[in-house]
Amino acid sequence: MKKVNYAAIDIGSNAVRLLIKSVNEEGSPEGLLRKVQLIRIPLRLGEDAFTTGEISEGKAEKLIRLMKAYKQLMKIFEVSDYRACATSAMRDARNGKEITRKIEKKTGIRVEIIDGQEEAHIVYDNHIEQLFASGQNYLYVDVGGGSTEINLICDSELKSSRSYNIGTVRMLSGMVKNEEKEQMRTDLQALAAEYAPIQIIGSGGNINKLFRLADKKDKKQSFLPIESLKEICETLKALSKEERIKQFKLKPDRADVIVPAAEIFLEVAKQVNATGITVPTIGLSAGKGKWDGRTVSSTASIPRICAWKRTLNKTGHHRLHRLTQIIYRVDS
């Protein structure tokens, strides 16, 4: 049976991504899921949405052009089905729904604006339970441009799933409310009191980059000590954006958001008394990675938000109760 390609589009506050994956026959040497194409364009929709309350006409037009391009790529790669999701920036923008209607009219792509709770739940609904050892408590922290999703997993069971309007682009825009910060602190302290000790697992492009930049870390266990995270955060904070780009070879759209991302992770760690953050090293191209000395398949990779359950009977393939995540949170 021939391969079938599926795609996901993730319209985030910092970047807009298209990922195309093929579903292979069971037993294929390439594995069940194989990455075909991944494209990331940093539109920074959150810069508009979080400061003015709407997406500007210029950025809306760029988004529509990008969706047209993604539509053509999906045709070229003969994508059988797709899902397109928009998160924090689009749900905050007054004209978010209007833009999704224009996208559908001009490209045929239907974009769902999902709420924070669904965003947090989808993170768990992508086989990430495979990452967790039984009998232990984990806080899975996913830091994005507009929001932070936090899932508490105890003994491989989801106990709490919450989303906070605290993200890197939102912080850079000065639009994070004190009440939101306090709510996150209060919630985390309550979780720490009930479920201590808690281990943090970090998700996102920023924590992966911070892990690589840190001098002191446990590569074998993919563990980043909090003191080491503090050190690299302070080093980066003392530099200008241009200096960070030059000294650490950061991309321009990473160089500014990496500091607020570090600060969010440090705050979470402080509130739950964690000594470090585990950063699973997932390889996108291979679809496999290592964490805690174990091989992790692509179905246990770090997801962004565009996942859905699917039965593939119509394609002639064996049944898949879950066509697992198609967008990874590695370039947030």
C-alpha atoms as a PDB file:
ATOM      1  CA  MET A   1       0.000   0.000   0.000  1.00  0.00           C
ATOM      2  CA  LYS A   2       1.382   3.400  -0.901  1.00  0.00           C
ATOM      3  CA  LYS A   3       2.304   6.013   1.673  1.00  0.00           C
ATOM      4  CA  VAL A   4      -0.285   8.609   2.665  1.00  0.00           C
ATOM      5  CA  ASN A   5       0.730  12.168   3.522  1.00  0.00           C
ATOM      6  CA  TYR A   6      -0.922  14.259   6.219  1.00  0.00           C
ATOM      7  CA  ALA A   7      -0.236  17.866   7.188  1.00  0.00           C
ATOM      8  CA  ALA A   8      -0.699  20.278  10.048  1.00  0.00           C
ATOM      9  CA  ILE A   9      -0.559  24.049  10.086  1.00  0.00           C
ATOM     10  CA  ASP A  10       0.196  25.792  13.361  1.00  0.00           C
ATOM     11  CA  ILE A  11      -0.532  29.527  13.479  1.00  0.00           C
ATOM     12  CA  GLY A  12       1.275  30.630  16.618  1.00  0.00           C
ATOM     13  CA  SER A  13       2.028  33.970  18.218  1.00  0.00           C
ATOM     14  CA  ASN A  14       5.645  33.873  17.078  1.00  0.00           C
ATOM     15  CA  ALA A  15       5.742  31.665  14.000  1.00  0.00           C
ATOM     16  CA  VAL A  16       3.511  29.851  11.517  1.00  0.00           C
ATOM     17  CA  ARG A  17       4.492  26.297  10.666  1.00  0.00           C
ATOM     18  CA  LEU A  18       3.588  23.675   8.135  1.00  0.00           C
ATOM     19  CA  LEU A  19       4.616  20.086   8.755  1.00  0.00           C
ATOM     20  CA  ILE A  20       3.894  17.254   6.356  1.00  0.00           C
ATOM     21  CA  LYS A  21       4.314  13.657   7.462  1.00  0.00           C
ATOM     22  CA  SER A  22       3.808  10.355   5.724  1.00  0.00           C
ATOM     23  CA  VAL A  23       2.102   7.377   7.300  1.00  0.00           C
ATOM     24  CA  ASN A  24       3.981   4.257   6.261  1.00  0.00           C
ATOM     25  CA  GLU A  25       3.109   0.596   6.305  1.00  0.00           C
ATOM     26  CA  GLU A  26       3.632  -1.174   9.597  1.00  0.00           C
ATOM     27  CA  GLY A  27       7.137  -2.607   9.680  1.00  0.00           C
ATOM     28  CA  SER A  28       8.511  -0.054   7.233  1.00  0.00           C
ATOM     29  CA  PRO A  29      12.258   0.623   7.739  1.00  0.00           C
ATOM     30  CA  GLU A  30      11.410   4.353   7.759  1.00  0.00           C
ATOM     31  CA  GLY A  31       9.098   3.886  10.732  1.00  0.00           C
ATOM     32  CA  LEU A  32       5.377   4.473  11.011  1.00  0.00           C
ATOM     33  CA  LEU A  33       5.614   8.259  10.677  1.00  0.00           C
ATOM     34  CA  ARG A  34       8.227  10.076   8.619  1.00  0.00           C
ATOM     35  CA  LYS A  35       8.751  13.804   8.290  1.00  0.00           C
ATOM     36  CA  VAL A  36       8.392  14.911   4.684  1.00  0.00           C
ATOM     37  CA  GLN A  37       8.608  18.686   5.018  1.00  0.00           C
ATOM     38  CA  LEU A  38       8.775  21.275   7.802  1.00  0.00           C
ATOM     39  CA  ILE A  39       8.552  25.011   7.140  1.00  0.00           C
ATOM     40  CA  ARG A  40       8.569  27.747   9.763  1.00  0.00           C
ATOM     41  CA  ILE A  41       7.936  31.436   9.053  1.00  0.00           C
ATOM     42  CA  PRO A  42       8.234  33.920  11.978  1.00  0.00           C
ATOM     43  CA  LEU A  43       5.319  36.296  11.308  1.00  0.00           C
ATOM     44  CA  ARG A  44       5.086  37.468  14.954  1.00  0.00           C
ATOM     45  CA  LEU A  45       1.297  37.874  14.946  1.00  0.00           C
ATOM     46  CA  GLY A  46       1.469  38.362  18.700  1.00  0.00           C
ATOM     47  CA  GLU A  47       3.228  41.711  18.338  1.00  0.00           C
ATOM     48  CA  ASP A  48      -0.023  43.097  16.931  1.00  0.00           C
ATOM     49  CA  ALA A  49      -2.569  41.067  18.861  1.00  0.00           C
ATOM     50  CA  PHE A  50      -1.104  41.651  22.314  1.00  0.00           C
ATOM     51  CA  THR A  51      -0.528  45.413  21.937  1.00  0.00           C
ATOM     52  CA  THR A  52      -3.394  46.691  19.764  1.00  0.00           C
ATOM     53  CA  GLY A  53      -5.897  43.886  20.238  1.00  0.00           C
ATOM     54  CA  GLU A  54      -6.021  42.956  16.561  1.00  0.00           C
ATOM     55  CA  ILE A  55      -3.877  41.658  13.712  1.00  0.00           C
ATOM     56  CA  SER A  56      -2.780  44.501  11.446  1.00  0.00           C
ATOM     57  CA  GLU A  57      -3.858  44.568   7.825  1.00  0.00           C
ATOM     58  CA  GLY A  58      -0.261  44.084   6.708  1.00  0.00           C
ATOM     59  CA  LYS A  59       0.344  40.975   8.798  1.00  0.00           C
ATOM     60  CA  ALA A  60      -3.074  39.573   7.944  1.00  0.00           C
ATOM     61  CA  GLU A  61      -2.197  39.877   4.264  1.00  0.00           C
ATOM     62  CA  LYS A  62       1.154  38.153   4.847  1.00  0.00           C
ATOM     63  CA  LEU A  63      -0.638  35.348   6.674  1.00  0.00           C
ATOM     64  CA  ILE A  64      -3.062  34.873   3.800  1.00  0.00           C
ATOM     65  CA  ARG A  65      -0.171  34.787   1.309  1.00  0.00           C
ATOM     66  CA  LEU A  66       1.587  32.232   3.472  1.00  0.00           C
ATOM     67  CA  MET A  67      -1.544  30.067   3.624  1.00  0.00           C
ATOM     68  CA  LYS A  68      -1.747  30.185  -0.173  1.00  0.00           C
ATOM     69  CA  ALA A  69       1.844  28.969  -0.333  1.00  0.00           C
ATOM     70  CA  TYR A  70       1.149  26.214   2.187  1.00  0.00           C
ATOM     71  CA  LYS A  71      -1.901  25.160   0.175  1.00  0.00           C
ATOM     72  CA  GLN A  72       0.246  24.763  -2.933  1.00  0.00           C
ATOM     73  CA  LEU A  73       2.850  22.776  -1.016  1.00  0.00           C
ATOM     74  CA  MET A  74       0.160  20.444   0.292  1.00  0.00           C
ATOM     75  CA  LYS A  75      -0.956  19.886  -3.306  1.00  0.00           C
ATOM     76  CA  ILE A  76       2.613  19.221  -4.458  1.00  0.00           C
ATOM     77  CA  PHE A  77       3.113  16.657  -1.695  1.00  0.00           C
ATOM     78  CA  GLU A  78      -0.337  15.162  -2.342  1.00  0.00           C
ATOM     79  CA  VAL A  79      -1.567  15.646   1.202  1.00  0.00           C
ATOM     80  CA  SER A  80      -4.654  13.531   1.895  1.00  0.00           C
ATOM     81  CA  ASP A  81      -5.878  15.446   4.943  1.00  0.00           C
ATOM     82  CA  TYR A  82      -4.774  18.272   7.205  1.00  0.00           C
ATOM     83  CA  ARG A  83      -5.641  20.273  10.281  1.00  0.00           C
ATOM     84  CA  ALA A  84      -4.901  23.974  10.782  1.00  0.00           C
ATOM     85  CA  CYS A  85      -4.969  25.477  14.273  1.00  0.00           C
ATOM     86  CA  ALA A  86      -4.412  28.996  15.584  1.00  0.00           C
ATOM     87  CA  THR A  87      -3.610  29.756  19.196  1.00  0.00           C
ATOM     88  CA  SER A  88      -3.018  32.689  21.538  1.00  0.00           C
ATOM     89  CA  ALA A  89      -2.495  35.615  19.133  1.00  0.00           C
ATOM     90  CA  MET A  90      -5.452  34.770  16.924  1.00  0.00           C
ATOM     91  CA  ARG A  91      -7.794  34.086  19.822  1.00  0.00           C
ATOM     92  CA  ASP A  92      -6.825  37.391  21.457  1.00  0.00           C
ATOM     93  CA  ALA A  93      -7.241  39.408  18.263  1.00  0.00           C
ATOM     94  CA  ARG A  94     -10.630  41.030  17.727  1.00  0.00           C
ATOM     95  CA  ASN A  95     -10.373  40.290  14.031  1.00  0.00           C
ATOM     96  CA  GLY A  96      -9.072  36.723  14.445  1.00  0.00           C
ATOM     97  CA  LYS A  97     -12.281  35.057  13.248  1.00  0.00           C
ATOM     98  CA  GLU A  98     -12.580  37.510  10.370  1.00  0.00           C
ATOM     99  CA  ILE A  99      -9.065  36.576   9.226  1.00  0.00           C
ATOM    100  CA  THR A 100      -9.844  32.854   9.371  1.00  0.00           C
ATOM    101  CA  ARG A 101     -12.888  33.467   7.157  1.00  0.00           C
ATOM    102  CA  LYS A 102     -10.721  35.318   4.629  1.00  0.00           C
ATOM    103  CA  ILE A 103      -8.163  32.497   4.699  1.00  0.00           C
ATOM    104  CA  GLU A 104     -10.857  29.929   3.969  1.00  0.00           C
ATOM    105  CA  LYS A 105     -12.374  32.050   1.196  1.00  0.00           C
ATOM    106  CA  LYS A 106      -9.041  32.704  -0.537  1.00  0.00           C
ATOM    107  CA  THR A 107      -7.273  29.390   0.057  1.00  0.00           C
ATOM    108  CA  GLY A 108      -9.876  26.827   1.051  1.00  0.00           C
ATOM    109  CA  ILE A 109      -7.963  26.142   4.264  1.00  0.00           C
ATOM    110  CA  ARG A 110     -10.203  26.023   7.316  1.00  0.00           C
ATOM    111  CA  VAL A 111      -8.420  27.345  10.407  1.00  0.00           C
ATOM    112  CA  GLU A 112      -9.624  26.478  13.914  1.00  0.00           C
ATOM    113  CA  ILE A 113      -8.947  28.980  16.685  1.00  0.00           C
ATOM    114  CA  ILE A 114      -8.550  26.749  19.728  1.00  0.00           C
ATOM    115  CA  ASP A 115      -8.727  27.891  23.348  1.00  0.00           C
ATOM    116  CA  GLY A 116      -5.976  27.539  25.903  1.00  0.00           C
ATOM    117  CA  GLN A 117      -7.487  24.518  27.604  1.00  0.00           C
ATOM    118  CA  GLU A 118      -7.739  22.584  24.348  1.00  0.00           C
ATOM    119  CA  GLU A 119      -4.188  23.584  23.541  1.00  0.00           C
ATOM    120  CA  ALA A 120      -3.022  22.212  26.886  1.00  0.00           C
ATOM    121  CA  HIS A 121      -5.060  19.023  26.558  1.00  0.00           C
ATOM    122  CA  ILE A 122      -3.812  18.262  23.056  1.00  0.00           C
ATOM    123  CA  VAL A 123      -0.259  18.332  24.369  1.00  0.00           C
ATOM    124  CA  TYR A 124      -1.120  15.379  26.599  1.00  0.00           C
ATOM    125  CA  ASP A 125      -3.222  13.652  23.950  1.00  0.00           C
ATOM    126  CA  ASN A 126      -0.181  12.860  21.825  1.00  0.00           C
ATOM    127  CA  HIS A 127       1.381   9.867  23.527  1.00  0.00           C
ATOM    128  CA  ILE A 128       3.593  12.046  25.755  1.00  0.00           C
ATOM    129  CA  GLU A 129       2.681   9.636  28.545  1.00  0.00           C
ATOM    130  CA  GLN A 130       5.333   7.405  26.971  1.00  0.00           C
ATOM    131  CA  LEU A 131       7.929   9.843  28.267  1.00  0.00           C
ATOM    132  CA  PHE A 132       6.998   9.337  31.904  1.00  0.00           C
ATOM    133  CA  ALA A 133       8.079   6.664  34.355  1.00  0.00           C
ATOM    134  CA  SER A 134       5.313   5.251  36.529  1.00  0.00           C
ATOM    135  CA  GLY A 135       5.180   6.231  40.180  1.00  0.00           C
ATOM    136  CA  GLN A 136       6.591   9.720  39.620  1.00  0.00           C
ATOM    137  CA  ASN A 137       5.120  13.208  39.273  1.00  0.00           C
ATOM    138  CA  TYR A 138       5.920  15.373  36.258  1.00  0.00           C
ATOM    139  CA  LEU A 139       5.110  18.912  35.240  1.00  0.00           C
ATOM    140  CA  TYR A 140       5.142  19.171  31.453  1.00  0.00           C
ATOM    141  CA  VAL A 141       5.748  22.852  30.636  1.00  0.00           C
ATOM    142  CA  ASP A 142       5.249  24.108  27.088  1.00  0.00           C
ATOM    143  CA  VAL A 143       6.240  27.775  26.643  1.00  0.00           C
ATOM    144  CA  GLY A 144       4.978  29.533  23.538  1.00  0.00           C
ATOM    145  CA  GLY A 145       4.842  33.055  22.186  1.00  0.00           C
ATOM    146  CA  GLY A 146       1.466  33.925  23.663  1.00  0.00           C
ATOM    147  CA  SER A 147       0.804  31.370  26.368  1.00  0.00           C
ATOM    148  CA  THR A 148       2.286  28.681  28.570  1.00  0.00           C
ATOM    149  CA  GLU A 149       0.624  25.285  28.869  1.00  0.00           C
ATOM    150  CA  ILE A 150       1.257  23.254  32.014  1.00  0.00           C
ATOM    151  CA  ASN A 151       0.224  19.617  32.458  1.00  0.00           C
ATOM    152  CA  LEU A 152       0.662  17.665  35.674  1.00  0.00           C
ATOM    153  CA  ILE A 153       1.118  13.931  35.136  1.00  0.00           C
ATOM    154  CA  CYS A 154       1.156  11.570  38.107  1.00  0.00           C
ATOM    155  CA  ASP A 155       1.837   7.874  37.659  1.00  0.00           C
ATOM    156  CA  SER A 156       1.280   8.319  33.886  1.00  0.00           C
ATOM    157  CA  GLU A 157      -2.150   9.880  34.497  1.00  0.00           C
ATOM    158  CA  LEU A 158      -3.096  13.465  33.648  1.00  0.00           C
ATOM    159  CA  LYS A 159      -4.144  15.233  36.854  1.00  0.00           C
ATOM    160  CA  SER A 160      -4.188  18.876  35.824  1.00  0.00           C
ATOM    161  CA  SER A 161      -4.085  20.765  32.524  1.00  0.00           C
ATOM    162  CA  ARG A 162      -3.906  24.561  32.503  1.00  0.00           C
ATOM    163  CA  SER A 163      -3.066  27.394  30.151  1.00  0.00           C
ATOM    164  CA  TYR A 164      -1.818  30.864  31.111  1.00  0.00           C
ATOM    165  CA  ASN A 165      -1.563  34.013  29.002  1.00  0.00           C
ATOM    166  CA  ILE A 166       2.131  34.232  29.760  1.00  0.00           C
ATOM    167  CA  GLY A 167       4.298  33.818  26.670  1.00  0.00           C
ATOM    168  CA  THR A 168       7.550  35.129  25.233  1.00  0.00           C
ATOM    169  CA  VAL A 169       6.140  37.547  22.656  1.00  0.00           C
ATOM    170  CA  ARG A 170       3.466  38.685  25.108  1.00  0.00           C
ATOM    171  CA  MET A 171       6.183  39.418  27.677  1.00  0.00           C
ATOM    172  CA  LEU A 172       8.284  41.342  25.165  1.00  0.00           C
ATOM    173  CA  SER A 173       5.184  43.420  24.384  1.00  0.00           C
ATOM    174  CA  GLY A 174       4.715  44.167  28.089  1.00  0.00           C
ATOM    175  CA  MET A 175       1.200  42.725  27.982  1.00  0.00           C
ATOM    176  CA  VAL A 176       1.314  40.024  30.654  1.00  0.00           C
ATOM    177  CA  LYS A 177      -1.109  40.922  33.442  1.00  0.00           C
ATOM    178  CA  ASN A 178       0.050  40.730  37.046  1.00  0.00           C
ATOM    179  CA  GLU A 179      -3.108  38.801  37.914  1.00  0.00           C
ATOM    180  CA  GLU A 180      -2.135  36.117  35.404  1.00  0.00           C
ATOM    181  CA  LYS A 181       1.343  35.805  36.903  1.00  0.00           C
ATOM    182  CA  GLU A 182      -0.111  35.553  40.397  1.00  0.00           C
ATOM    183  CA  GLN A 183      -2.640  32.946  39.293  1.00  0.00           C
ATOM    184  CA  MET A 184       0.104  30.780  37.844  1.00  0.00           C
ATOM    185  CA  ARG A 185       2.182  31.117  41.024  1.00  0.00           C
ATOM    186  CA  THR A 186      -0.790  30.207  43.218  1.00  0.00           C
ATOM    187  CA  ASP A 187      -1.689  27.196  41.085  1.00  0.00           C
ATOM    188  CA  LEU A 188       1.885  25.931  40.987  1.00  0.00           C
ATOM    189  CA  GLN A 189       2.330  26.297  44.731  1.00  0.00           C
ATOM    190  CA  ALA A 190      -0.843  24.284  45.278  1.00  0.00           C
ATOM    191  CA  LEU A 191       0.384  21.546  42.958  1.00  0.00           C
ATOM    192  CA  ALA A 192       3.769  21.485  44.698  1.00  0.00           C
ATOM    193  CA  ALA A 193       2.106  21.150  48.101  1.00  0.00           C
ATOM    194  CA  GLU A 194       0.001  18.175  46.979  1.00  0.00           C
ATOM    195  CA  TYR A 195       2.302  16.351  44.576  1.00  0.00           C
ATOM    196  CA  ALA A 196       5.888  17.031  45.699  1.00  0.00           C
ATOM    197  CA  PRO A 197       8.428  16.110  44.545  1.00  0.00           C
ATOM    198  CA  ILE A 198       7.740  17.212  40.965  1.00  0.00           C
ATOM    199  CA  GLN A 199      10.059  16.844  37.997  1.00  0.00           C
ATOM    200  CA  ILE A 200       9.795  19.404  35.200  1.00  0.00           C
ATOM    201  CA  ILE A 201       9.924  18.434  31.545  1.00  0.00           C
ATOM    202  CA  GLY A 202      10.477  21.420  29.263  1.00  0.00           C
ATOM    203  CA  SER A 203       9.071  21.761  25.768  1.00  0.00           C
ATOM    204  CA  GLY A 204       9.778  24.265  23.030  1.00  0.00           C
ATOM    205  CA  GLY A 205      12.507  25.612  20.827  1.00  0.00           C
ATOM    206  CA  ASN A 206      13.744  28.019  23.471  1.00  0.00           C
ATOM    207  CA  ILE A 207      14.399  25.473  26.196  1.00  0.00           C
ATOM    208  CA  ASN A 208      16.094  23.212  23.657  1.00  0.00           C
ATOM    209  CA  LYS A 209      18.361  26.083  22.626  1.00  0.00           C
ATOM    210  CA  LEU A 210      19.029  27.024  26.265  1.00  0.00           C
ATOM    211  CA  PHE A 211      19.991  23.421  26.977  1.00  0.00           C
ATOM    212  CA  ARG A 212      22.505  23.475  24.113  1.00  0.00           C
ATOM    213  CA  LEU A 213      23.949  26.817  25.220  1.00  0.00           C
ATOM    214  CA  ALA A 214      24.347  25.870  28.894  1.00  0.00           C
ATOM    215  CA  ASP A 215      27.824  24.844  30.046  1.00  0.00           C
ATOM    216  CA  LYS A 216      26.747  22.676  32.977  1.00  0.00           C
ATOM    217  CA  LYS A 217      24.248  19.939  32.105  1.00  0.00           C
ATOM    218  CA  ASP A 218      23.785  16.208  32.076  1.00  0.00           C
ATOM    219  CA  LYS A 219      23.680  15.288  28.389  1.00  0.00           C
ATOM    220  CA  LYS A 220      23.042  11.606  29.058  1.00  0.00           C
ATOM    221  CA  GLN A 221      19.966  12.335  31.159  1.00  0.00           C
ATOM    222  CA  SER A 222      19.019  15.458  29.154  1.00  0.00           C
ATOM    223  CA  PHE A 223      18.937  17.346  32.442  1.00  0.00           C
ATOM    224  CA  LEU A 224      19.482  21.091  32.788  1.00  0.00           C
ATOM    225  CA  PRO A 225      20.158  22.218  36.393  1.00  0.00           C
ATOM    226  CA  ILE A 226      18.339  25.359  37.465  1.00  0.00           C
ATOM    227  CA  GLU A 227      21.587  27.055  38.460  1.00  0.00           C
ATOM    228  CA  SER A 228      22.946  26.470  34.977  1.00  0.00           C
ATOM    229  CA  LEU A 229      19.741  27.864  33.441  1.00  0.00           C
ATOM    230  CA  LYS A 230      20.075  30.952  35.648  1.00  0.00           C
ATOM    231  CA  GLU A 231      23.661  31.446  34.482  1.00  0.00           C
ATOM    232  CA  ILE A 232      22.891  31.330  30.771  1.00  0.00           C
ATOM    233  CA  CYS A 233      19.802  33.503  31.307  1.00  0.00           C
ATOM    234  CA  GLU A 234      21.851  36.201  33.028  1.00  0.00           C
ATOM    235  CA  THR A 235      24.529  35.996  30.352  1.00  0.00           C
ATOM    236  CA  LEU A 236      21.981  36.464  27.573  1.00  0.00           C
ATOM    237  CA  LYS A 237      20.127  39.189  29.430  1.00  0.00           C
ATOM    238  CA  ALA A 238      23.302  41.270  29.694  1.00  0.00           C
ATOM    239  CA  LEU A 239      23.683  41.264  25.904  1.00  0.00           C
ATOM    240  CA  SER A 240      21.788  43.166  23.245  1.00  0.00           C
ATOM    241  CA  LYS A 241      19.803  41.248  20.653  1.00  0.00           C
ATOM    242  CA  GLU A 242      22.534  41.860  18.074  1.00  0.00           C
ATOM    243  CA  GLU A 243      25.217  40.636  20.499  1.00  0.00           C
ATOM    244  CA  ARG A 244      23.250  37.451  21.220  1.00  0.00           C
ATOM    245  CA  ILE A 245      22.968  36.786  17.489  1.00  0.00           C
ATOM    246  CA  LYS A 246      26.697  37.287  16.964  1.00  0.00           C
ATOM    247  CA  GLN A 247      28.040  35.588  20.085  1.00  0.00           C
ATOM    248  CA  PHE A 248      25.665  32.607  20.259  1.00  0.00           C
ATOM    249  CA  LYS A 249      24.688  32.384  16.571  1.00  0.00           C
ATOM    250  CA  LEU A 250      20.994  32.782  17.371  1.00  0.00           C
ATOM    251  CA  LYS A 251      18.392  33.487  14.714  1.00  0.00           C
ATOM    252  CA  PRO A 252      16.965  37.030  14.944  1.00  0.00           C
ATOM    253  CA  ASP A 253      13.517  35.740  15.902  1.00  0.00           C
ATOM    254  CA  ARG A 254      15.052  33.562  18.626  1.00  0.00           C
ATOM    255  CA  ALA A 255      17.474  36.116  20.058  1.00  0.00           C
ATOM    256  CA  ASP A 256      14.827  38.235  21.767  1.00  0.00           C
ATOM    257  CA  VAL A 257      12.323  35.592  22.939  1.00  0.00           C
ATOM    258  CA  ILE A 258      14.894  33.261  24.501  1.00  0.00           C
ATOM    259  CA  VAL A 259      15.325  35.410  27.627  1.00  0.00           C
ATOM    260  CA  PRO A 260      11.630  35.664  28.581  1.00  0.00           C
ATOM    261  CA  ALA A 261      11.345  31.936  27.888  1.00  0.00           C
ATOM    262  CA  ALA A 262      14.144  31.245  30.360  1.00  0.00           C
ATOM    263  CA  GLU A 263      12.466  33.500  32.907  1.00  0.00           C
ATOM    264  CA  ILE A 264       9.175  31.617  32.593  1.00  0.00           C
ATOM    265  CA  PHE A 265      10.880  28.252  33.120  1.00  0.00           C
ATOM    266  CA  LEU A 266      12.808  29.636  36.094  1.00  0.00           C
ATOM    267  CA  GLU A 267       9.601  30.941  37.663  1.00  0.00           C
ATOM    268  CA  VAL A 268       7.854  27.592  37.255  1.00  0.00           C
ATOM    269  CA  ALA A 269      10.843  25.772  38.746  1.00  0.00           C
ATOM    270  CA  LYS A 270      10.955  28.179  41.686  1.00  0.00           C
ATOM    271  CA  GLN A 271       7.300  27.675  42.554  1.00  0.00           C
ATOM    272  CA  VAL A 272       7.470  23.863  42.527  1.00  0.00           C
ATOM    273  CA  ASN A 273      10.958  23.673  44.111  1.00  0.00           C
ATOM    274  CA  ALA A 274      12.469  21.851  41.143  1.00  0.00           C
ATOM    275  CA  THR A 275      16.234  21.506  40.901  1.00  0.00           C
ATOM    276  CA  GLY A 276      16.321  21.221  37.136  1.00  0.00           C
ATOM    277  CA  ILE A 277      14.476  20.680  33.880  1.00  0.00           C
ATOM    278  CA  THR A 278      14.541  17.600  31.707  1.00  0.00           C
ATOM    279  CA  VAL A 279      14.757  18.527  28.032  1.00  0.00           C
ATOM    280  CA  PRO A 280      14.045  15.527  25.786  1.00  0.00           C
ATOM    281  CA  THR A 281      16.330  15.673  22.761  1.00  0.00           C
ATOM    282  CA  ILE A 282      14.019  14.756  19.928  1.00  0.00           C
ATOM    283  CA  GLY A 283      15.404  14.558  16.405  1.00  0.00           C
ATOM    284  CA  LEU A 284      12.875  15.822  13.881  1.00  0.00           C
ATOM    285  CA  SER A 285      14.391  14.274  10.798  1.00  0.00           C
ATOM    286  CA  ALA A 286      14.866  10.830  12.267  1.00  0.00           C
ATOM    287  CA  GLY A 287      11.616  10.929  14.188  1.00  0.00           C
ATOM    288  CA  LYS A 288      13.396   9.493  17.195  1.00  0.00           C
ATOM    289  CA  GLY A 289      15.286  10.869  20.133  1.00  0.00           C
ATOM    290  CA  LYS A 290      16.767  10.089  23.513  1.00  0.00           C
ATOM    291  CA  TRP A 291      15.536  10.892  26.960  1.00  0.00           C
ATOM    292  CA  ASP A 292      16.593   9.346  30.251  1.00  0.00           C
ATOM    293  CA  GLY A 293      18.622   6.810  28.285  1.00  0.00           C
ATOM    294  CA  ARG A 294      15.555   5.511  26.441  1.00  0.00           C
ATOM    295  CA  THR A 295      14.783   5.694  22.743  1.00  0.00           C
ATOM    296  CA  VAL A 296      11.632   7.714  22.126  1.00  0.00           C
ATOM    297  CA  SER A 297       9.635   7.171  18.969  1.00  0.00           C
ATOM    298  CA  SER A 298       8.106   9.991  16.962  1.00  0.00           C
ATOM    299  CA  THR A 299       4.745   9.252  18.550  1.00  0.00           C
ATOM    300  CA  ALA A 300       6.236  10.312  21.864  1.00  0.00           C
ATOM    301  CA  SER A 301       7.918  13.438  20.526  1.00  0.00           C
ATOM    302  CA  ILE A 302       7.313  16.902  21.863  1.00  0.00           C
ATOM    303  CA  PRO A 303       4.142  18.177  20.216  1.00  0.00           C
ATOM    304  CA  ARG A 304       2.960  21.667  19.371  1.00  0.00           C
ATOM    305  CA  ILE A 305      -0.811  21.617  19.112  1.00  0.00           C
ATOM    306  CA  CYS A 306      -2.090  20.202  15.840  1.00  0.00           C
ATOM    307  CA  ALA A 307      -2.961  16.595  16.548  1.00  0.00           C
ATOM    308  CA  TRP A 308      -6.056  14.595  16.059  1.00  0.00           C
ATOM    309  CA  LYS A 309      -7.418  11.101  16.395  1.00  0.00           C
ATOM    310  CA  ARG A 310      -7.992   9.399  13.098  1.00  0.00           C
ATOM    311  CA  THR A 311      -9.037   6.036  11.752  1.00  0.00           C
ATOM    312  CA  LEU A 312      -7.426   5.382   8.402  1.00  0.00           C
ATOM    313  CA  ASN A 313      -9.707   2.662   7.084  1.00  0.00           C
ATOM    314  CA  LYS A 314     -10.649   4.720   4.012  1.00  0.00           C
ATOM    315  CA  THR A 315      -7.014   4.950   2.931  1.00  0.00           C
ATOM    316  CA  GLY A 316      -6.585   1.196   3.003  1.00  0.00           C
ATOM    317  CA  HIS A 317      -4.055   1.409   5.825  1.00  0.00           C
ATOM    318  CA  HIS A 318      -4.288  -0.444   9.098  1.00  0.00           C
ATOM    319  CA  ARG A 319      -6.303   1.350  11.726  1.00  0.00           C
ATOM    320  CA  LEU A 320      -4.594   4.131  13.637  1.00  0.00           C
ATOM    321  CA  HIS A 321      -6.559   5.178  16.683  1.00  0.00           C
ATOM    322  CA  ARG A 322      -4.313   8.210  16.848  1.00  0.00           C
ATOM    323  CA  LEU A 323      -2.558   9.915  13.996  1.00  0.00           C
ATOM    324  CA  THR A 324      -0.284  11.485  16.517  1.00  0.00           C
ATOM    325  CA  GLN A 325       1.055  15.005  16.594  1.00  0.00           C
ATOM    326  CA  ILE A 326       2.140  16.559  13.332  1.00  0.00           C
ATOM    327  CA  ILE A 327       3.539  19.811  14.607  1.00  0.00           C
ATOM    328  CA  TYR A 328       6.442  19.781  17.070  1.00  0.00           C
ATOM    329  CA  ARG A 329       7.064  22.557  19.547  1.00  0.00           C
ATOM    330  CA  VAL A 330      10.717  22.935  18.697  1.00  0.00           C
ATOM    331  CA  ASP A 331      10.716  26.331  17.054  1.00  0.00           C
ATOM    332  CA  SER A 332       8.322  28.347  19.190  1.00  0.00           C
END
